[in-house]
N, C-alpha and C. Protein backbone atom coordinates (compact mmCIF):
# COMPACT_ATOMS: atom_id res chain seq x y z
N MET A 1 5.42 -37.09 -35.51
CA MET A 1 6.39 -37.19 -34.39
C MET A 1 6.66 -38.32 -33.98
N MET A 2 8.11 -38.68 -33.57
CA MET A 2 8.49 -39.89 -33.05
C MET A 2 8.97 -39.67 -31.39
N ALA A 3 8.37 -40.69 -30.98
CA ALA A 3 8.94 -40.82 -29.58
C ALA A 3 10.15 -41.48 -29.19
N LEU A 4 10.97 -41.09 -28.26
CA LEU A 4 12.25 -41.93 -28.06
C LEU A 4 12.05 -42.96 -27.04
N SER A 5 12.79 -43.94 -26.87
CA SER A 5 12.64 -44.91 -25.96
C SER A 5 13.30 -44.23 -24.66
N GLY A 6 13.03 -45.01 -23.68
CA GLY A 6 13.53 -44.36 -22.40
C GLY A 6 14.88 -44.24 -22.35
N ASP A 7 15.81 -45.09 -22.81
CA ASP A 7 17.21 -45.02 -22.77
C ASP A 7 17.59 -43.69 -23.66
N LEU A 8 17.06 -43.88 -25.11
CA LEU A 8 17.43 -42.95 -25.62
C LEU A 8 16.78 -41.29 -25.29
N GLN A 9 15.88 -41.38 -24.28
CA GLN A 9 15.33 -39.96 -23.83
C GLN A 9 16.29 -39.64 -22.69
N LEU A 10 16.77 -40.42 -22.05
CA LEU A 10 17.68 -40.30 -21.17
C LEU A 10 19.04 -39.64 -21.41
N SER A 11 19.28 -40.62 -22.53
CA SER A 11 20.76 -40.01 -23.34
C SER A 11 20.41 -38.56 -23.87
N PHE A 12 19.42 -38.35 -24.39
CA PHE A 12 19.31 -37.02 -24.97
C PHE A 12 19.27 -36.00 -23.94
N GLU A 13 18.60 -36.30 -23.01
CA GLU A 13 18.47 -35.22 -21.71
C GLU A 13 20.00 -34.93 -21.09
N GLU A 14 20.59 -35.96 -21.02
CA GLU A 14 22.01 -35.85 -20.68
C GLU A 14 22.80 -35.15 -21.48
N LYS A 15 22.95 -35.41 -22.96
CA LYS A 15 23.69 -34.54 -23.81
C LYS A 15 23.24 -32.94 -23.69
N LEU A 16 21.72 -32.91 -23.84
CA LEU A 16 21.28 -31.38 -23.67
C LEU A 16 22.09 -30.89 -22.42
N THR A 17 21.66 -31.42 -21.36
CA THR A 17 22.28 -30.81 -20.02
C THR A 17 23.79 -30.51 -20.09
N ASN A 18 24.48 -31.43 -20.79
CA ASN A 18 25.98 -31.19 -20.88
C ASN A 18 26.19 -30.08 -21.89
N TYR A 19 25.44 -29.98 -22.95
CA TYR A 19 25.60 -28.86 -23.87
C TYR A 19 25.24 -27.51 -23.21
N GLN A 20 24.28 -27.34 -22.37
CA GLN A 20 23.68 -25.96 -21.70
C GLN A 20 24.59 -25.85 -20.77
N GLU A 21 25.56 -26.72 -20.06
CA GLU A 21 26.48 -26.47 -18.94
C GLU A 21 27.77 -25.91 -19.70
N ASN A 22 27.89 -26.54 -20.92
CA ASN A 22 29.17 -25.98 -21.67
C ASN A 22 28.85 -24.77 -22.11
N LEU A 23 27.66 -24.24 -22.76
CA LEU A 23 27.27 -22.90 -22.86
C LEU A 23 27.29 -21.95 -21.84
N LYS A 24 27.16 -22.45 -20.76
CA LYS A 24 26.94 -21.70 -19.34
C LYS A 24 25.66 -20.88 -19.45
N MET A 25 24.75 -21.25 -20.17
CA MET A 25 23.35 -20.73 -20.15
C MET A 25 22.45 -21.70 -20.85
N PRO A 26 21.34 -21.29 -20.11
CA PRO A 26 20.05 -22.30 -20.48
C PRO A 26 19.38 -21.88 -21.89
N LEU A 27 18.79 -22.72 -22.64
CA LEU A 27 18.44 -22.66 -23.69
C LEU A 27 16.96 -22.26 -23.80
N LEU A 28 16.83 -20.95 -23.68
CA LEU A 28 15.53 -20.29 -23.56
C LEU A 28 15.27 -19.37 -24.75
N THR A 29 14.31 -19.31 -25.16
CA THR A 29 13.75 -18.48 -26.17
C THR A 29 13.57 -17.01 -25.40
N ASN A 30 13.43 -15.96 -26.29
CA ASN A 30 13.08 -14.75 -25.78
C ASN A 30 11.61 -14.83 -25.15
N ILE A 31 10.78 -15.63 -25.72
CA ILE A 31 9.56 -15.63 -25.48
C ILE A 31 9.36 -16.22 -24.17
N GLU A 32 9.96 -17.33 -23.99
CA GLU A 32 10.19 -17.93 -22.62
C GLU A 32 10.50 -17.37 -21.65
N GLN A 33 11.70 -16.36 -21.76
CA GLN A 33 12.26 -15.62 -20.91
C GLN A 33 11.14 -14.49 -20.50
N ARG A 34 10.58 -14.06 -21.22
CA ARG A 34 9.62 -12.96 -21.01
C ARG A 34 8.55 -13.55 -20.18
N THR A 35 8.12 -14.66 -20.47
CA THR A 35 6.99 -15.29 -19.82
C THR A 35 7.34 -15.63 -18.43
N ILE A 36 8.61 -16.24 -18.14
CA ILE A 36 9.05 -16.29 -16.80
C ILE A 36 9.07 -14.93 -16.02
N GLU A 37 9.46 -14.12 -16.58
CA GLU A 37 9.74 -12.68 -15.96
C GLU A 37 8.33 -12.17 -15.60
N LYS A 38 7.41 -12.15 -16.69
CA LYS A 38 5.97 -11.85 -16.47
C LYS A 38 5.31 -12.79 -15.09
N THR A 39 5.66 -13.97 -15.22
CA THR A 39 4.95 -14.89 -14.12
C THR A 39 5.47 -14.56 -12.82
N LEU A 40 6.87 -14.27 -12.78
CA LEU A 40 7.47 -13.99 -11.49
C LEU A 40 6.76 -12.50 -10.94
N LYS A 41 6.74 -11.80 -11.87
CA LYS A 41 6.45 -10.14 -11.55
C LYS A 41 4.89 -10.38 -11.02
N GLN A 42 3.70 -11.21 -11.64
CA GLN A 42 2.40 -11.51 -11.23
C GLN A 42 2.49 -12.19 -9.84
N ASN A 43 3.47 -13.14 -9.75
CA ASN A 43 3.39 -13.89 -8.38
C ASN A 43 3.84 -12.98 -7.22
N ILE A 44 4.80 -12.21 -7.54
CA ILE A 44 4.95 -11.34 -6.40
C ILE A 44 4.07 -10.32 -5.85
N ILE A 45 3.16 -9.90 -7.06
CA ILE A 45 2.26 -8.76 -6.73
C ILE A 45 1.05 -9.50 -6.10
N LYS A 46 0.75 -10.82 -6.43
CA LYS A 46 0.03 -11.49 -5.82
C LYS A 46 0.21 -12.17 -4.40
N LEU A 47 1.42 -12.39 -4.18
CA LEU A 47 1.70 -12.63 -2.60
C LEU A 47 1.64 -11.38 -1.88
N LEU A 48 1.95 -10.30 -2.36
CA LEU A 48 2.03 -9.13 -1.68
C LEU A 48 0.42 -8.66 -1.36
N GLN A 49 -0.39 -8.84 -2.36
CA GLN A 49 -1.92 -8.63 -2.35
C GLN A 49 -2.34 -9.63 -1.17
N VAL A 50 -1.98 -10.73 -1.26
CA VAL A 50 -2.54 -11.63 -0.28
C VAL A 50 -2.04 -11.36 1.28
N GLN A 51 -0.90 -11.16 1.15
CA GLN A 51 -0.54 -10.82 2.79
C GLN A 51 -0.85 -9.48 3.37
N PHE A 52 -1.15 -8.36 2.32
CA PHE A 52 -1.34 -7.29 2.93
C PHE A 52 -2.50 -6.47 2.16
N GLY A 53 -3.30 -6.98 1.49
CA GLY A 53 -4.57 -6.35 0.82
C GLY A 53 -4.00 -5.33 -0.22
N ASP A 54 -4.69 -4.35 -0.31
CA ASP A 54 -4.37 -3.34 -1.57
C ASP A 54 -2.98 -3.01 -1.14
N ILE A 55 -2.02 -3.09 -2.47
CA ILE A 55 -0.86 -2.52 -2.39
C ILE A 55 -0.64 -1.14 -3.07
N PRO A 56 0.40 -0.27 -2.90
CA PRO A 56 0.38 0.96 -3.56
C PRO A 56 0.63 0.76 -5.15
N GLU A 57 0.01 1.56 -5.99
CA GLU A 57 0.29 1.40 -7.27
C GLU A 57 1.84 1.51 -7.60
N ASN A 58 2.53 2.43 -6.86
CA ASN A 58 4.02 2.58 -7.23
C ASN A 58 4.73 1.45 -7.02
N LEU A 59 4.28 0.62 -6.10
CA LEU A 59 5.00 -0.53 -5.99
C LEU A 59 4.84 -1.72 -6.93
N VAL A 60 3.45 -1.88 -7.39
CA VAL A 60 3.16 -2.52 -8.69
C VAL A 60 3.91 -2.11 -9.72
N ALA A 61 4.10 -0.77 -9.82
CA ALA A 61 4.96 -0.29 -11.05
C ALA A 61 6.54 -0.66 -10.86
N SER A 62 7.10 -0.49 -9.79
CA SER A 62 8.31 -0.93 -9.43
C SER A 62 8.70 -2.14 -9.69
N VAL A 63 7.74 -3.07 -9.44
CA VAL A 63 7.98 -4.44 -9.42
C VAL A 63 7.90 -4.86 -11.17
N ASN A 64 7.11 -4.15 -11.77
CA ASN A 64 6.89 -4.49 -13.22
C ASN A 64 7.86 -3.72 -13.94
N LYS A 65 9.02 -2.92 -13.28
CA LYS A 65 10.13 -2.48 -14.05
C LYS A 65 11.37 -3.20 -14.09
N ILE A 66 11.32 -4.20 -13.18
CA ILE A 66 12.41 -5.03 -13.07
C ILE A 66 12.41 -6.05 -14.14
N ASP A 67 13.78 -6.16 -14.78
CA ASP A 67 13.70 -6.98 -15.98
C ASP A 67 15.05 -7.95 -15.93
N ASP A 68 15.37 -8.17 -14.53
CA ASP A 68 16.49 -9.37 -14.31
C ASP A 68 15.63 -10.23 -13.76
N THR A 69 15.82 -11.50 -14.42
CA THR A 69 15.10 -12.69 -13.98
C THR A 69 15.68 -13.17 -12.44
N SER A 70 17.04 -13.18 -12.22
CA SER A 70 17.40 -13.68 -11.08
C SER A 70 17.24 -12.64 -9.83
N PHE A 71 16.93 -11.33 -10.17
CA PHE A 71 16.97 -10.42 -9.17
C PHE A 71 15.21 -10.70 -8.77
N LEU A 72 14.42 -11.01 -9.89
CA LEU A 72 13.11 -11.23 -9.55
C LEU A 72 12.81 -12.57 -8.69
N GLU A 73 13.66 -13.57 -9.17
CA GLU A 73 13.49 -14.79 -8.20
C GLU A 73 14.01 -14.35 -6.77
N GLU A 74 14.87 -13.62 -6.69
CA GLU A 74 15.38 -13.25 -5.26
C GLU A 74 14.19 -12.35 -4.75
N VAL A 75 13.58 -11.49 -5.18
CA VAL A 75 12.31 -10.75 -4.53
C VAL A 75 11.46 -11.69 -4.38
N PHE A 76 11.04 -12.47 -5.28
CA PHE A 76 10.02 -13.63 -4.96
C PHE A 76 10.10 -14.25 -3.68
N VAL A 77 11.53 -14.73 -3.62
CA VAL A 77 11.65 -15.52 -2.19
C VAL A 77 11.50 -14.62 -0.92
N SER A 78 12.04 -13.44 -1.27
CA SER A 78 11.84 -12.33 -0.11
C SER A 78 10.49 -12.08 0.08
N THR A 79 9.68 -11.93 -0.68
CA THR A 79 8.16 -11.78 -0.90
C THR A 79 7.51 -12.72 0.28
N ILE A 80 7.92 -14.07 0.10
CA ILE A 80 7.26 -14.78 1.02
C ILE A 80 7.47 -14.80 2.37
N ARG A 81 8.80 -14.06 2.82
CA ARG A 81 8.82 -13.83 4.09
C ARG A 81 8.85 -12.50 4.76
N VAL A 82 8.47 -11.48 4.00
CA VAL A 82 8.28 -10.27 4.29
C VAL A 82 7.26 -9.99 5.24
N ASN A 83 7.42 -8.94 6.07
CA ASN A 83 6.35 -8.68 7.29
C ASN A 83 5.66 -7.30 7.04
N SER A 84 6.27 -6.48 6.01
CA SER A 84 5.88 -5.32 5.86
C SER A 84 5.78 -5.07 4.40
N LEU A 85 5.08 -3.90 3.93
CA LEU A 85 5.53 -3.32 2.78
C LEU A 85 6.75 -2.43 2.52
N GLU A 86 7.13 -1.90 3.70
CA GLU A 86 8.45 -1.09 3.58
C GLU A 86 9.72 -1.83 3.47
């Protein structure tokens, strides 16, 4: 494996960013996408458990059914501020 110099690394990162912006989508593999979703789900559930103790199994099931990453991110942020499970 070859390491790039600092200038070349910056140039590569800029070109990759431009390429991603031109595609209007990030370069994520299916495995990376599933990992992000799984981690968000786990974090949402853990935050709720820390704030409220035991949480209903149907709530856990509902969180686990969500498959939209951007919606999961919104739920995660909301979970930080939520005052009740309702």
